[in-house]
Amino acid sequence: QVQLVESGGGSVQAGGSLSLSCTASEYSYTQHFMGWFRQAPGKERERVASIDSDGTTSYADSVKGRFTISKDNDKNTLYLKMNSLQPEGAAMYYCGADPRSWIRGVGCLKVDAPYWGQGTQVTVSS
């Protein structure tokens, strides 16, 4: 059973930065499609960023140029560096993993990915 554990959430003022981490219990899953979604109260879970096993990344338009997704396979860890955070970025951030081979053709993690962490809260004050 894959376990994903997020950390690094917290409170920040608008314009500030935070770095999130997600550690996977199974090494092989850092070799698959991984990514970050977020969900604000009353809203649907939305894609933030994804990274393929070969390191190819993709981002939601709302975070392009401000957020960076990366991973360290030796540490079984996925990262999300968030700069210039705005109040609309306040949400619970979830790390996900998808071992299905066809997801590479899609090019980004989807909300029905089979593995998710419990989330880490990000609060942004204006």
Protein backbone atom coordinates (compact mmCIF):
# COMPACT_ATOMS: atom_id res chain seq x y z
CA GLN A 1 0.00 0.00 0.00
CA VAL A 2 1.46 3.32 -1.08
CA GLN A 3 1.55 6.01 1.55
CA LEU A 4 2.11 9.64 0.67
CA VAL A 5 2.80 12.10 3.46
CA GLU A 6 2.77 15.84 2.81
CA SER A 7 4.48 18.46 4.94
CA GLY A 8 5.52 22.09 4.81
CA GLY A 9 2.18 23.84 4.85
CA GLY A 10 1.60 26.89 7.00
CA SER A 11 0.65 30.52 7.00
CA VAL A 12 2.23 33.16 4.85
CA GLN A 13 1.47 36.72 3.85
CA ALA A 14 0.51 37.52 0.27
CA GLY A 15 3.63 37.65 -1.84
CA GLY A 16 5.44 35.20 0.38
CA SER A 17 6.81 31.72 -0.31
CA LEU A 18 6.33 28.20 0.99
CA SER A 19 7.85 24.87 0.12
CA LEU A 20 5.84 21.66 0.36
CA SER A 21 7.22 18.14 0.50
CA CYS A 22 5.64 14.74 -0.10
CA THR A 23 7.39 11.57 0.93
CA ALA A 24 6.37 8.27 -0.64
CA SER A 25 6.59 4.98 1.23
CA GLU A 26 7.31 2.97 -1.90
CA TYR A 27 10.38 3.91 -3.91
CA SER A 28 8.96 2.83 -7.23
CA TYR A 29 6.18 5.36 -7.03
CA THR A 30 8.53 8.26 -7.38
CA GLN A 31 9.27 6.75 -10.78
CA HIS A 32 5.66 7.28 -11.82
CA PHE A 33 3.50 10.30 -12.48
CA MET A 34 3.22 12.47 -9.42
CA GLY A 35 1.78 15.86 -8.73
CA TRP A 36 0.02 18.37 -6.55
CA PHE A 37 -3.63 19.31 -6.39
CA ARG A 38 -5.31 21.80 -4.09
CA GLN A 39 -8.78 22.26 -2.75
CA ALA A 40 -10.20 25.37 -1.15
CA PRO A 41 -13.37 25.26 0.99
CA GLY A 42 -16.47 24.93 -1.18
CA LYS A 43 -14.45 24.39 -4.34
CA GLU A 44 -13.45 21.38 -6.39
CA ARG A 45 -10.00 19.89 -6.18
CA GLU A 46 -7.88 21.49 -8.89
CA ARG A 47 -4.62 20.56 -10.52
CA VAL A 48 -1.55 22.58 -9.58
CA ALA A 49 1.46 20.81 -11.06
CA SER A 50 2.60 17.41 -12.30
CA ILE A 51 5.89 15.68 -12.97
CA ASP A 52 6.51 12.61 -15.07
CA SER A 53 9.03 9.88 -14.32
CA ASP A 54 11.43 11.48 -16.80
CA GLY A 55 11.17 14.85 -15.07
CA THR A 56 8.83 16.50 -17.55
CA THR A 57 6.67 19.04 -15.73
CA SER A 58 3.35 20.70 -16.34
CA TYR A 59 1.55 23.48 -14.48
CA ALA A 60 -1.86 25.01 -14.20
CA ASP A 61 -1.94 28.40 -15.88
CA SER A 62 -2.72 30.06 -12.56
CA VAL A 63 0.64 29.04 -11.06
CA LYS A 64 2.98 29.09 -14.06
CA GLY A 65 6.09 31.10 -13.38
CA ARG A 66 5.48 31.13 -9.61
CA PHE A 67 5.41 27.46 -8.58
CA THR A 68 8.04 24.81 -9.25
CA ILE A 69 7.53 21.07 -8.93
CA SER A 70 10.52 18.78 -8.51
CA LYS A 71 11.42 15.41 -7.07
CA ASP A 72 14.35 13.62 -5.49
CA ASN A 73 14.15 9.92 -6.29
CA ASP A 74 16.94 9.09 -3.84
CA LYS A 75 14.85 10.58 -1.03
CA ASN A 76 11.50 9.31 -2.37
CA THR A 77 10.29 12.89 -2.10
CA LEU A 78 8.24 15.25 -4.24
CA TYR A 79 8.46 19.01 -3.76
CA LEU A 80 6.44 22.10 -4.58
CA LYS A 81 8.11 25.47 -4.25
CA MET A 82 5.52 28.22 -4.18
CA ASN A 83 6.54 31.83 -4.70
CA SER A 84 4.43 34.98 -4.82
CA LEU A 85 1.55 33.29 -3.05
CA GLN A 86 -1.76 35.10 -3.29
CA PRO A 87 -4.90 34.71 -1.15
CA GLU A 88 -6.52 32.60 -3.86
CA GLY A 89 -3.74 30.08 -3.33
CA ALA A 90 -4.98 29.29 0.16
CA ALA A 91 -6.15 25.68 0.18
CA MET A 92 -5.41 22.18 1.32
CA TYR A 93 -2.63 20.88 -0.90
CA TYR A 94 -2.57 17.19 -1.78
CA CYS A 95 0.19 15.07 -3.22
CA GLY A 96 -0.88 12.35 -5.64
CA ALA A 97 0.72 9.48 -7.53
CA ASP A 98 -0.42 7.50 -10.54
CA PRO A 99 1.36 4.31 -11.63
CA ARG A 100 -0.91 3.73 -14.65
CA SER A 101 1.17 3.80 -17.81
CA TRP A 102 -1.45 5.59 -19.91
CA ILE A 103 -1.36 8.71 -17.74
CA ARG A 104 1.90 9.67 -19.47
CA GLY A 105 -0.10 10.22 -22.63
CA VAL A 106 -2.43 12.56 -20.76
CA GLY A 107 0.51 14.62 -19.60
CA CYS A 108 -0.72 15.58 -16.16
CA LEU A 109 -1.97 14.01 -12.97
CA LYS A 110 -5.75 13.65 -12.81
CA VAL A 111 -8.10 13.91 -9.89
CA ASP A 112 -8.86 10.17 -10.09
CA ALA A 113 -5.23 9.21 -9.45
CA PRO A 114 -5.23 6.13 -7.23
CA TYR A 115 -2.92 7.40 -4.47
CA TRP A 116 -3.25 10.56 -2.40
CA GLY A 117 -1.82 11.94 0.78
CA GLN A 118 -3.85 13.47 3.60
CA GLY A 119 -2.98 17.02 2.59
CA THR A 120 -1.20 19.98 4.11
CA GLN A 121 -2.90 23.31 4.75
CA VAL A 122 -1.67 26.54 3.17
CA THR A 123 -3.06 29.81 4.45
CA VAL A 124 -2.35 33.13 2.74
CA SER A 125 -3.22 36.38 4.42
CA SER A 126 -3.68 39.62 2.50
